Amino acid sequence: MASTLITGIAELTTNTGEKQRDVSVVIEDDRIAWLGSGTPAADERVDVGGRAVLPGWVDSHTHLVFAGDRTSEFEARMAGKPYTAGGISVTVEATRAASDEALAANLVRHADEAARQGTTCLETKTGYGLSIEDEERSAKIAAAVADEVTFLGAHLVPPGADAESYVDLVCGPMLDAVAPHVRWADVFCETGAFDEEQTGRVLTAAAARGLGLRVHGNQLGEGPGVRLAVEHGAASVDHCTYLSPSDVDALAGSATVATLLPACDLSTRQPLAPARRLLDAGATIALASNANPGSSYTTSMAFCVATAVLQMGLSIDEAVWAATAGGAQALRRDDVGYVREGARADLHVLDAPSVTHLAYRPGVPLTWAVWRRGVQWSK
């Protein structure tokens, strides 16, 4: 059993209590075996030279099985054109036309890009195929790379399709084809995508098939997404940009995590989600990148953390927790997002003495080293 001793840690964020200072960590194979003061024996020793260490980012919401480019759509939004869900169809056309090899290579490229920035646990979704064949192959490609895979056949009704017939397809043969390759199912509950009744049908069918549930909700306006997510026991409802008082109360009284996507809010020129209001009410929040080619083309969790601190009213510790342990809760996992004995050895070393520098020096690439499953990815 190979072991690595990491010393010289100025500040260790564990997400299990107060930050620890001047401590060491021992990794054995893919797990954290020990942490504390002292320097126990190990096969290898790495001195991080007075830098801060935190859990690797847990990015619980991405859309990285795709092909094509939507730069022109982004330019139009920046020129004042409003965002609508319809741009998804552009990516669907390109994704359907791409080979398996091209889709896999693009996913690996983006996953590696995220890992170099400290993301050690990555969720990604289908949703750019929207046919049985293309959703199934997207799920298989995603399962070979990502830690968590979500079925998002209910992303948009494909052009030319009848909405009710398409929901029947999603709840039936498409779900049957994809379910063996995924852990989760998701629905885009929004004007221009799927309404309350359709969303409920998809969630009910997915739960009956044994999948965990997620919901895209309340992105473009108030709506039933948050309420349906809570009623169906979804692990997460994502976006949460527009929330009524009853939505906030529902989230605060449930185990459903509100996953906030600040890079998407900025890219679509929507208001930033009410992170402070949710936390003060007692809700659990996560931060995620929503990396996708249309509305949030970034894999930088550090950008999301800095935005949450500088513009959403969170403290640095709250934002870091949301981007690590919060993401883990959104995925119903307790083996990632924390630094503690027995957890997966996912560590992010900053070229800074404190996590405060993530917001204090926004936009500066601070990742110095990353361990994922006990393997050092970069230094």
Protein backbone atom coordinates (compact mmCIF):
# COMPACT_ATOMS: atom_id res chain seq x y z
CA MET A 1 0.00 0.00 0.00
CA ALA A 2 1.74 3.17 -1.22
CA SER A 3 1.67 6.19 1.08
CA THR A 4 2.43 9.90 0.70
CA LEU A 5 3.07 12.35 3.53
CA ILE A 6 2.12 15.95 2.73
CA THR A 7 3.82 18.46 5.01
CA GLY A 8 4.24 22.23 5.17
CA ILE A 9 0.49 22.94 5.18
CA ALA A 10 -0.08 26.48 6.47
CA GLU A 11 -3.88 26.18 6.52
CA LEU A 12 -5.98 23.04 6.08
CA THR A 13 -9.69 23.34 5.31
CA THR A 14 -11.31 20.05 6.26
CA ASN A 15 -15.03 20.98 6.24
CA THR A 16 -15.34 19.04 9.49
CA GLY A 17 -14.69 21.92 11.89
CA GLU A 18 -12.24 24.72 12.37
CA LYS A 19 -9.36 25.17 9.94
CA GLN A 20 -6.19 23.43 11.06
CA ARG A 21 -2.76 25.03 10.84
CA ASP A 22 0.76 23.60 10.57
CA VAL A 23 -0.51 20.06 10.06
CA SER A 24 0.33 17.13 7.81
CA VAL A 25 -1.76 14.64 5.83
CA VAL A 26 -1.02 11.03 4.92
CA ILE A 27 -2.50 9.49 1.78
CA GLU A 28 -2.58 5.71 1.40
CA ASP A 29 -3.59 4.56 -2.06
CA ASP A 30 -6.77 6.54 -2.86
CA ARG A 31 -7.78 7.46 0.70
CA ILE A 32 -6.78 9.89 3.42
CA ALA A 33 -5.27 7.74 6.13
CA TRP A 34 -4.24 10.32 8.73
CA LEU A 35 -4.04 14.03 9.47
CA GLY A 36 -2.57 15.93 12.39
CA SER A 37 0.63 17.31 13.85
CA GLY A 38 3.86 15.43 13.28
CA THR A 39 5.54 13.65 10.42
CA PRO A 40 4.76 9.93 10.40
CA ALA A 41 6.65 7.58 8.10
CA ALA A 42 5.52 7.28 4.50
CA ASP A 43 6.86 6.03 1.18
CA GLU A 44 6.96 9.55 -0.28
CA ARG A 45 7.09 13.00 1.25
CA VAL A 46 5.85 16.23 -0.37
CA ASP A 47 6.44 19.60 1.29
CA VAL A 48 3.89 22.16 0.06
CA GLY A 49 5.93 25.02 1.50
CA GLY A 50 3.45 26.91 3.66
CA ARG A 51 0.53 26.75 1.25
CA ALA A 52 -3.18 26.28 1.90
CA VAL A 53 -4.83 22.90 1.29
CA LEU A 54 -8.54 22.29 0.87
CA PRO A 55 -10.74 19.50 -0.50
CA GLY A 56 -10.86 19.26 -4.27
CA TRP A 57 -13.77 21.07 -5.87
CA VAL A 58 -16.94 19.01 -6.28
CA ASP A 59 -18.56 20.33 -9.45
CA SER A 60 -22.05 18.88 -9.22
CA HIS A 61 -23.54 20.41 -12.38
CA THR A 62 -21.97 20.33 -15.85
CA HIS A 63 -23.02 19.54 -19.43
CA LEU A 64 -19.82 18.34 -21.08
CA VAL A 65 -20.93 15.73 -23.61
CA PHE A 66 -21.36 18.08 -26.54
CA ALA A 67 -20.01 19.23 -29.88
CA GLY A 68 -20.11 22.56 -31.63
CA ASP A 69 -19.78 26.19 -30.66
CA ARG A 70 -22.21 28.92 -29.59
CA THR A 71 -19.95 31.96 -29.61
CA SER A 72 -22.40 33.91 -31.76
CA GLU A 73 -25.18 33.31 -29.24
CA PHE A 74 -22.96 34.64 -26.44
CA GLU A 75 -22.08 37.71 -28.50
CA ALA A 76 -25.77 38.36 -29.11
CA ARG A 77 -26.54 38.17 -25.39
CA MET A 78 -23.73 40.58 -24.61
CA ALA A 79 -25.27 42.93 -27.17
CA GLY A 80 -28.58 42.82 -25.31
CA LYS A 81 -30.50 39.87 -26.77
CA PRO A 82 -32.28 37.95 -23.94
CA TYR A 83 -31.38 34.37 -23.13
CA THR A 84 -33.89 31.65 -24.01
CA ALA A 85 -33.61 27.89 -23.73
CA GLY A 86 -33.84 27.52 -27.52
CA GLY A 87 -30.10 27.72 -28.14
CA ILE A 88 -29.80 24.19 -26.80
CA SER A 89 -31.08 22.91 -30.15
CA VAL A 90 -27.95 24.26 -31.86
CA THR A 91 -25.78 22.05 -29.67
CA VAL A 92 -28.14 19.11 -30.18
CA GLU A 93 -27.64 19.28 -33.95
CA ALA A 94 -23.85 19.40 -33.61
CA THR A 95 -23.76 16.65 -30.99
CA ARG A 96 -25.87 14.28 -33.05
CA ALA A 97 -23.53 14.81 -36.02
CA ALA A 98 -20.34 14.18 -34.01
CA SER A 99 -18.63 10.81 -33.71
CA ASP A 100 -18.29 8.98 -30.41
CA GLU A 101 -14.55 9.61 -30.57
CA ALA A 102 -15.01 13.37 -31.00
CA LEU A 103 -17.50 13.60 -28.13
CA ALA A 104 -15.24 11.56 -25.84
CA ALA A 105 -12.17 13.64 -26.69
CA ASN A 106 -14.03 16.87 -26.00
CA LEU A 107 -15.27 15.56 -22.65
CA VAL A 108 -11.79 14.42 -21.62
CA ARG A 109 -10.33 17.79 -22.63
CA HIS A 110 -12.79 19.69 -20.46
CA ALA A 111 -12.50 17.24 -17.55
CA ASP A 112 -8.72 17.62 -17.61
CA GLU A 113 -9.08 21.40 -17.77
CA ALA A 114 -11.28 21.28 -14.68
CA ALA A 115 -8.89 18.94 -12.84
CA ARG A 116 -5.94 21.25 -13.45
CA GLN A 117 -7.95 23.92 -11.61
CA GLY A 118 -8.70 21.73 -8.61
CA THR A 119 -11.90 19.92 -9.58
CA THR A 120 -11.58 16.35 -8.35
CA CYS A 121 -15.20 15.15 -8.47
CA LEU A 122 -17.20 15.92 -11.59
CA GLU A 123 -20.84 15.39 -12.49
CA THR A 124 -21.97 15.68 -16.09
CA LYS A 125 -25.20 15.16 -17.97
CA THR A 126 -26.61 13.86 -21.20
CA GLY A 127 -29.14 16.15 -22.82
CA TYR A 128 -27.66 17.15 -26.16
CA GLY A 129 -28.76 13.98 -27.94
CA LEU A 130 -32.51 13.95 -27.32
CA SER A 131 -33.00 10.68 -29.17
CA ILE A 132 -32.76 7.18 -27.75
CA GLU A 133 -29.56 6.41 -29.64
CA ASP A 134 -27.84 9.71 -28.92
CA GLU A 135 -28.82 9.88 -25.26
CA GLU A 136 -27.61 6.32 -24.71
CA ARG A 137 -24.26 6.94 -26.35
CA SER A 138 -23.86 10.21 -24.45
CA ALA A 139 -24.45 8.36 -21.18
CA LYS A 140 -21.89 5.69 -22.05
CA ILE A 141 -19.29 8.31 -23.01
CA ALA A 142 -19.93 10.27 -19.81
CA ALA A 143 -19.74 7.18 -17.60
CA ALA A 144 -16.22 6.45 -18.85
CA VAL A 145 -14.93 9.82 -17.60
CA ALA A 146 -17.14 11.53 -15.02
CA ASP A 147 -17.64 10.58 -11.37
CA GLU A 148 -21.40 11.06 -11.62
CA VAL A 149 -23.66 10.91 -14.68
CA THR A 150 -27.15 12.35 -15.03
CA PHE A 151 -29.79 11.57 -17.66
CA LEU A 152 -31.21 14.83 -19.03
CA GLY A 153 -33.35 13.63 -21.89
CA ALA A 154 -35.88 16.19 -20.63
CA HIS A 155 -33.61 19.10 -21.57
CA LEU A 156 -35.66 20.44 -24.45
CA VAL A 157 -38.33 19.14 -26.81
CA PRO A 158 -36.44 18.51 -30.06
CA PRO A 159 -37.44 20.71 -32.99
CA GLY A 160 -40.38 19.21 -34.85
CA ALA A 161 -41.35 16.83 -32.05
CA ASP A 162 -44.67 16.82 -30.22
CA ALA A 163 -44.08 17.67 -26.55
CA GLU A 164 -46.38 15.01 -25.06
CA SER A 165 -45.09 12.28 -27.34
CA TYR A 166 -41.53 13.27 -26.52
CA VAL A 167 -42.19 13.08 -22.76
CA ASP A 168 -43.62 9.58 -23.35
CA LEU A 169 -40.35 8.68 -25.08
CA VAL A 170 -38.24 10.12 -22.25
CA CYS A 171 -40.25 8.26 -19.58
CA GLY A 172 -40.23 5.00 -21.51
CA PRO A 173 -37.76 3.60 -24.03
CA MET A 174 -35.21 6.42 -23.64
CA LEU A 175 -35.11 6.01 -19.86
CA ASP A 176 -34.80 2.23 -20.26
CA ALA A 177 -31.85 2.62 -22.64
CA VAL A 178 -29.96 5.15 -20.52
CA ALA A 179 -30.67 3.98 -16.96
CA PRO A 180 -27.95 1.29 -16.79
CA HIS A 181 -25.28 3.95 -17.38
CA VAL A 182 -26.40 6.76 -15.07
CA ARG A 183 -27.16 7.40 -11.40
CA TRP A 184 -29.41 10.45 -11.76
CA ALA A 185 -32.23 11.91 -13.84
CA ASP A 186 -32.87 15.62 -14.35
CA VAL A 187 -35.55 17.82 -15.92
CA PHE A 188 -35.39 21.39 -17.21
CA CYS A 189 -38.58 22.73 -15.63
CA GLU A 190 -38.87 26.12 -17.29
CA THR A 191 -40.87 28.17 -19.76
CA GLY A 192 -39.78 26.96 -23.19
CA ALA A 193 -38.74 23.57 -21.86
CA PHE A 194 -40.99 21.34 -19.65
CA ASP A 195 -44.04 22.38 -17.65
CA GLU A 196 -45.14 21.26 -14.20
CA GLU A 197 -47.12 18.22 -15.32
CA GLN A 198 -44.42 17.02 -17.72
CA THR A 199 -41.70 17.52 -15.11
CA GLY A 200 -43.65 15.49 -12.57
CA ARG A 201 -44.10 12.66 -15.05
CA VAL A 202 -40.36 12.46 -15.76
CA LEU A 203 -39.40 12.58 -12.09
CA THR A 204 -41.92 9.89 -11.19
CA ALA A 205 -40.75 7.60 -13.99
CA ALA A 206 -37.07 8.08 -13.13
CA ALA A 207 -37.64 7.40 -9.44
CA ALA A 208 -39.56 4.23 -10.30
CA ARG A 209 -36.54 3.15 -12.36
CA GLY A 210 -34.32 3.58 -9.28
CA LEU A 211 -32.57 6.82 -10.28
CA GLY A 212 -31.86 9.73 -7.98
CA LEU A 213 -33.49 12.99 -8.95
CA ARG A 214 -32.28 16.47 -9.86
CA VAL A 215 -34.15 19.46 -11.30
CA HIS A 216 -33.21 22.53 -13.32
CA GLY A 217 -35.58 25.06 -11.80
CA ASN A 218 -36.40 28.73 -11.38
CA GLN A 219 -33.72 29.95 -13.80
CA LEU A 220 -35.68 32.39 -15.94
CA GLY A 221 -38.47 33.22 -13.49
CA GLU A 222 -40.43 31.92 -10.56
CA GLY A 223 -42.07 28.60 -11.28
CA PRO A 224 -42.83 25.13 -9.96
CA GLY A 225 -39.30 23.72 -10.22
CA VAL A 226 -38.23 24.19 -6.60
CA ARG A 227 -41.53 22.95 -5.22
CA LEU A 228 -41.51 19.85 -7.43
CA ALA A 229 -37.90 19.08 -6.51
CA VAL A 230 -38.72 19.19 -2.81
CA GLU A 231 -41.97 17.25 -3.19
CA HIS A 232 -40.20 14.47 -5.12
CA GLY A 233 -37.24 14.34 -2.73
CA ALA A 234 -34.72 15.47 -5.33
CA ALA A 235 -31.12 15.67 -4.15
CA SER A 236 -30.70 19.05 -5.79
CA VAL A 237 -32.55 21.81 -7.56
CA ASP A 238 -30.20 23.86 -9.70
CA HIS A 239 -30.18 27.53 -10.75
CA CYS A 240 -32.63 28.92 -8.13
CA THR A 241 -32.22 32.40 -9.58
CA TYR A 242 -35.80 33.52 -8.94
CA LEU A 243 -37.24 32.31 -5.63
CA SER A 244 -40.47 33.17 -3.87
CA PRO A 245 -40.58 33.20 -0.05
CA SER A 246 -42.34 29.82 -0.17
CA ASP A 247 -39.53 28.42 -2.35
CA VAL A 248 -36.95 29.51 0.20
CA ASP A 249 -38.99 28.04 3.04
CA ALA A 250 -39.41 24.76 1.16
CA LEU A 251 -35.69 24.44 0.57
CA ALA A 252 -34.87 25.35 4.17
CA GLY A 253 -37.22 22.65 5.43
CA SER A 254 -35.94 19.89 3.15
CA ALA A 255 -32.86 17.85 2.29
CA THR A 256 -32.88 19.22 -1.27
CA VAL A 257 -29.74 21.24 -1.96
CA ALA A 258 -30.04 24.56 -3.78
CA THR A 259 -27.23 24.42 -6.33
CA LEU A 260 -26.31 27.91 -7.49
CA LEU A 261 -24.64 28.58 -10.83
CA PRO A 262 -23.20 32.11 -10.71
CA ALA A 263 -21.17 31.86 -13.92
CA CYS A 264 -24.40 31.06 -15.77
CA ASP A 265 -26.25 33.96 -14.13
CA LEU A 266 -23.51 36.33 -15.29
CA SER A 267 -23.31 34.86 -18.80
CA THR A 268 -27.08 35.09 -19.30
CA ARG A 269 -27.30 38.50 -17.61
CA GLN A 270 -29.74 37.22 -15.03
CA PRO A 271 -29.69 38.35 -11.40
CA LEU A 272 -27.34 36.35 -9.22
CA ALA A 273 -29.13 33.70 -7.14
CA PRO A 274 -30.01 34.78 -3.57
CA ALA A 275 -27.31 32.81 -1.81
CA ARG A 276 -27.33 34.89 1.36
CA ARG A 277 -31.10 34.66 1.72
CA LEU A 278 -31.01 30.89 1.31
CA LEU A 279 -28.25 30.39 3.86
CA ASP A 280 -29.85 32.72 6.39
CA ALA A 281 -33.10 30.77 6.05
CA GLY A 282 -31.30 27.50 6.81
CA ALA A 283 -31.13 25.99 3.32
CA THR A 284 -28.13 24.01 2.12
CA ILE A 285 -26.42 25.47 -0.93
CA ALA A 286 -23.85 24.23 -3.41
CA LEU A 287 -21.87 26.11 -6.02
CA ALA A 288 -21.24 24.55 -9.43
CA SER A 289 -19.91 25.70 -12.80
CA ASN A 290 -22.75 24.63 -15.11
CA ALA A 291 -20.01 24.21 -17.72
CA ASN A 292 -21.73 24.05 -21.10
CA PRO A 293 -21.19 25.58 -24.54
CA GLY A 294 -24.13 27.97 -24.44
CA SER A 295 -24.90 29.66 -21.14
CA SER A 296 -21.81 29.04 -18.97
CA TYR A 297 -18.69 28.03 -20.86
CA THR A 298 -16.29 27.78 -17.93
CA THR A 299 -14.86 24.97 -15.83
CA SER A 300 -13.47 27.37 -13.21
CA MET A 301 -14.91 26.64 -9.79
CA ALA A 302 -12.54 29.27 -8.37
CA PHE A 303 -14.36 31.87 -10.48
CA CYS A 304 -17.66 30.71 -9.02
CA VAL A 305 -16.26 30.94 -5.48
CA ALA A 306 -14.87 34.43 -6.05
CA THR A 307 -18.18 35.58 -7.52
CA ALA A 308 -20.11 34.15 -4.56
CA VAL A 309 -17.92 36.10 -2.15
CA LEU A 310 -17.60 39.36 -4.06
CA GLN A 311 -21.16 39.63 -5.40
CA MET A 312 -23.46 37.17 -3.60
CA GLY A 313 -22.79 37.99 0.04
CA LEU A 314 -21.05 34.78 1.12
CA SER A 315 -17.97 34.61 3.29
CA ILE A 316 -14.98 32.84 1.80
CA ASP A 317 -15.51 29.87 4.11
CA GLU A 318 -19.18 29.60 3.13
CA ALA A 319 -18.32 29.73 -0.55
CA VAL A 320 -15.53 27.14 -0.29
CA TRP A 321 -17.85 24.85 1.69
CA ALA A 322 -20.57 25.22 -0.96
CA ALA A 323 -18.10 24.36 -3.75
CA THR A 324 -16.80 21.27 -1.95
CA ALA A 325 -18.99 19.77 0.79
CA GLY A 326 -22.09 21.44 -0.65
CA GLY A 327 -21.48 19.81 -4.01
CA ALA A 328 -20.95 16.50 -2.25
CA GLN A 329 -24.32 16.84 -0.52
CA ALA A 330 -25.94 17.70 -3.85
CA LEU A 331 -24.60 14.36 -5.09
CA ARG A 332 -25.53 12.57 -1.85
CA ARG A 333 -21.90 11.65 -1.22
CA ASP A 334 -19.82 11.77 1.96
CA ASP A 335 -16.54 10.44 0.58
CA VAL A 336 -15.64 13.66 -1.29
CA GLY A 337 -15.73 17.32 -0.33
CA TYR A 338 -14.03 16.73 3.01
CA VAL A 339 -10.52 16.13 4.32
CA ARG A 340 -10.85 13.44 6.97
CA GLU A 341 -9.67 9.92 7.58
CA GLY A 342 -11.33 7.50 5.18
CA ALA A 343 -12.38 10.15 2.68
CA ARG A 344 -11.23 9.95 -0.91
CA ALA A 345 -7.78 11.53 -1.24
CA ASP A 346 -8.87 14.56 -3.26
CA LEU A 347 -6.76 17.57 -2.30
CA HIS A 348 -6.30 21.02 -3.80
CA VAL A 349 -3.16 22.98 -2.91
CA LEU A 350 -3.24 26.72 -3.49
CA ASP A 351 -0.21 28.83 -4.26
CA ALA A 352 -1.28 31.02 -1.35
CA PRO A 353 -1.25 30.73 2.44
CA SER A 354 -5.04 30.88 2.84
CA VAL A 355 -8.26 30.14 0.95
CA THR A 356 -9.09 33.82 1.38
CA HIS A 357 -6.85 34.47 -1.63
CA LEU A 358 -9.45 32.80 -3.87
CA ALA A 359 -11.56 35.96 -3.53
CA TYR A 360 -8.79 38.36 -2.51
CA ARG A 361 -7.01 37.70 -5.84
CA PRO A 362 -9.90 37.01 -8.24
CA GLY A 363 -8.97 35.69 -11.65
CA VAL A 364 -5.45 34.69 -10.61
CA PRO A 365 -4.68 30.97 -11.25
CA LEU A 366 -3.84 29.81 -7.73
CA THR A 367 -3.85 26.02 -8.14
CA TRP A 368 -0.38 24.72 -7.21
CA ALA A 369 -1.04 20.97 -7.00
CA VAL A 370 -3.96 18.56 -7.14
CA TRP A 371 -4.39 15.03 -5.83
CA ARG A 372 -7.34 13.05 -7.17
CA ARG A 373 -7.99 9.59 -5.76
CA GLY A 374 -4.53 9.78 -4.23
CA VAL A 375 -2.77 10.49 -7.53
CA GLN A 376 -0.96 13.80 -7.95
CA TRP A 377 -2.27 15.36 -11.14
CA SER A 378 -0.23 18.55 -11.33
CA LYS A 379 2.35 20.66 -9.57
